[in-house]
Amino acid sequence: MSYFEHHVFVCTNQRDPGEQCCNAVGGSEMFAYAKERIGTLKKNGPGQIRINKAGCLGRCDQGPVMVVYPKETWYSFIDKEDIDEIINEHLLNDRVVDRLKI
């Protein structure tokens, strides 16, 4: 059994100005928002959900991106509404959000 039910890695990589990266298109802000939401929902901790920062995940051209384990589901997102949908559907109800999946 996994230590966390869902382990989420959000790319917050910052590259030099002018280079494509997830941080330049909201990666860090959406990481902070997702972590706060999971905390507010009291769904963080062992056996539940862990939201982690990640360096480059190698998919900058589709960024910002996150990957959710254990199912290795990759998402791209734009705003808080997308993050809420991923949390509500995938993390809380184990339903993949096809429209955001990459």
Protein backbone atom coordinates (compact mmCIF):
# COMPACT_ATOMS: atom_id res chain seq x y z
CA MET A 1 0.00 0.00 0.00
CA SER A 2 1.24 3.48 -0.88
CA TYR A 3 2.00 5.94 1.91
CA PHE A 4 -0.34 8.45 0.22
CA GLU A 5 -3.56 7.62 -1.61
CA HIS A 6 -2.60 10.27 -4.19
CA HIS A 7 0.80 11.91 -4.55
CA VAL A 8 0.75 14.99 -6.78
CA PHE A 9 3.81 16.66 -8.28
CA VAL A 10 3.31 20.16 -9.69
CA CYS A 11 6.06 21.59 -11.85
CA THR A 12 7.31 24.91 -10.51
CA ASN A 13 10.49 25.00 -12.58
CA GLN A 14 11.82 28.46 -13.43
CA ARG A 15 14.07 28.91 -16.46
CA ASP A 16 15.89 31.94 -17.77
CA PRO A 17 13.70 34.78 -19.10
CA GLY A 18 12.30 33.96 -22.53
CA GLU A 19 12.59 30.18 -22.07
CA GLN A 20 9.38 28.18 -21.78
CA CYS A 21 8.74 26.87 -18.27
CA CYS A 22 5.82 25.96 -16.02
CA ASN A 23 6.56 28.65 -13.44
CA ALA A 24 6.20 31.39 -16.05
CA VAL A 25 2.63 30.23 -16.77
CA GLY A 26 1.39 29.86 -13.20
CA GLY A 27 2.98 26.67 -11.88
CA SER A 28 3.97 28.07 -8.47
CA GLU A 29 0.68 29.89 -7.91
CA MET A 30 -1.37 26.82 -8.75
CA PHE A 31 0.88 24.63 -6.58
CA ALA A 32 0.24 26.94 -3.61
CA TYR A 33 -3.48 26.99 -4.32
CA ALA A 34 -3.73 23.17 -4.60
CA LYS A 35 -1.75 22.66 -1.39
CA GLU A 36 -3.94 25.17 0.45
CA ARG A 37 -7.18 23.57 -0.85
CA ILE A 38 -6.12 20.08 0.23
CA GLY A 39 -5.20 21.48 3.66
CA THR A 40 -8.52 23.30 3.97
CA LEU A 41 -10.32 20.08 3.09
CA LYS A 42 -8.24 18.28 5.75
CA LYS A 43 -7.21 15.69 3.16
CA ASN A 44 -3.46 16.04 3.62
CA GLY A 45 -1.26 13.52 5.39
CA PRO A 46 -0.51 9.80 5.45
CA GLY A 47 -3.11 7.70 3.66
CA GLN A 48 -4.57 10.79 2.02
CA ILE A 49 -3.18 13.36 -0.44
CA ARG A 50 0.25 14.94 -0.74
CA ILE A 51 0.90 17.95 -2.99
CA ASN A 52 4.59 18.47 -3.82
CA LYS A 53 6.61 20.97 -5.82
CA ALA A 54 8.63 19.46 -8.61
CA GLY A 55 11.47 20.69 -10.73
CA CYS A 56 11.24 20.25 -14.46
CA LEU A 57 8.99 17.34 -15.39
CA GLY A 58 10.09 17.51 -19.03
CA ARG A 59 6.78 18.64 -20.53
CA CYS A 60 7.29 22.40 -20.62
CA ASP A 61 5.59 22.68 -24.00
CA GLN A 62 2.33 21.55 -22.35
CA GLY A 63 2.74 23.51 -19.13
CA PRO A 64 1.88 24.17 -16.52
CA VAL A 65 1.78 20.47 -15.71
CA MET A 66 1.27 18.06 -12.84
CA VAL A 67 1.40 14.31 -12.48
CA VAL A 68 -0.78 12.34 -10.07
CA TYR A 69 0.42 9.02 -8.68
CA PRO A 70 -0.14 6.13 -8.27
CA LYS A 71 -1.93 6.09 -11.64
CA GLU A 72 0.67 8.33 -13.36
CA THR A 73 -1.99 10.66 -14.71
CA TRP A 74 -0.63 13.82 -16.34
CA TYR A 75 -2.60 17.07 -16.40
CA SER A 76 -2.20 20.54 -17.81
CA PHE A 77 -4.19 23.31 -16.16
CA ILE A 78 -4.81 27.04 -16.51
CA ASP A 79 -6.54 28.37 -13.41
CA LYS A 80 -8.02 27.66 -10.00
CA GLU A 81 -11.16 26.23 -11.58
CA ASP A 82 -9.04 23.57 -13.33
CA ILE A 83 -7.25 22.78 -10.06
CA ASP A 84 -10.59 22.52 -8.24
CA GLU A 85 -11.85 20.12 -10.90
CA ILE A 86 -8.77 17.92 -10.57
CA ILE A 87 -9.11 17.93 -6.78
CA ASN A 88 -12.86 17.27 -6.75
CA GLU A 89 -12.92 14.67 -9.49
CA HIS A 90 -9.58 12.84 -9.44
CA LEU A 91 -8.20 13.31 -5.94
CA LEU A 92 -11.44 13.04 -3.99
CA ASN A 93 -13.52 10.79 -6.25
CA ASP A 94 -10.90 8.87 -8.26
CA ARG A 95 -12.29 10.00 -11.63
CA VAL A 96 -9.77 11.14 -14.24
CA VAL A 97 -10.50 14.59 -15.72
CA ASP A 98 -10.22 13.76 -19.41
CA ARG A 99 -10.42 17.34 -20.68
CA LEU A 100 -7.26 18.30 -18.74
CA LYS A 101 -5.35 15.07 -19.26
CA ILE A 102 -2.21 15.15 -21.41
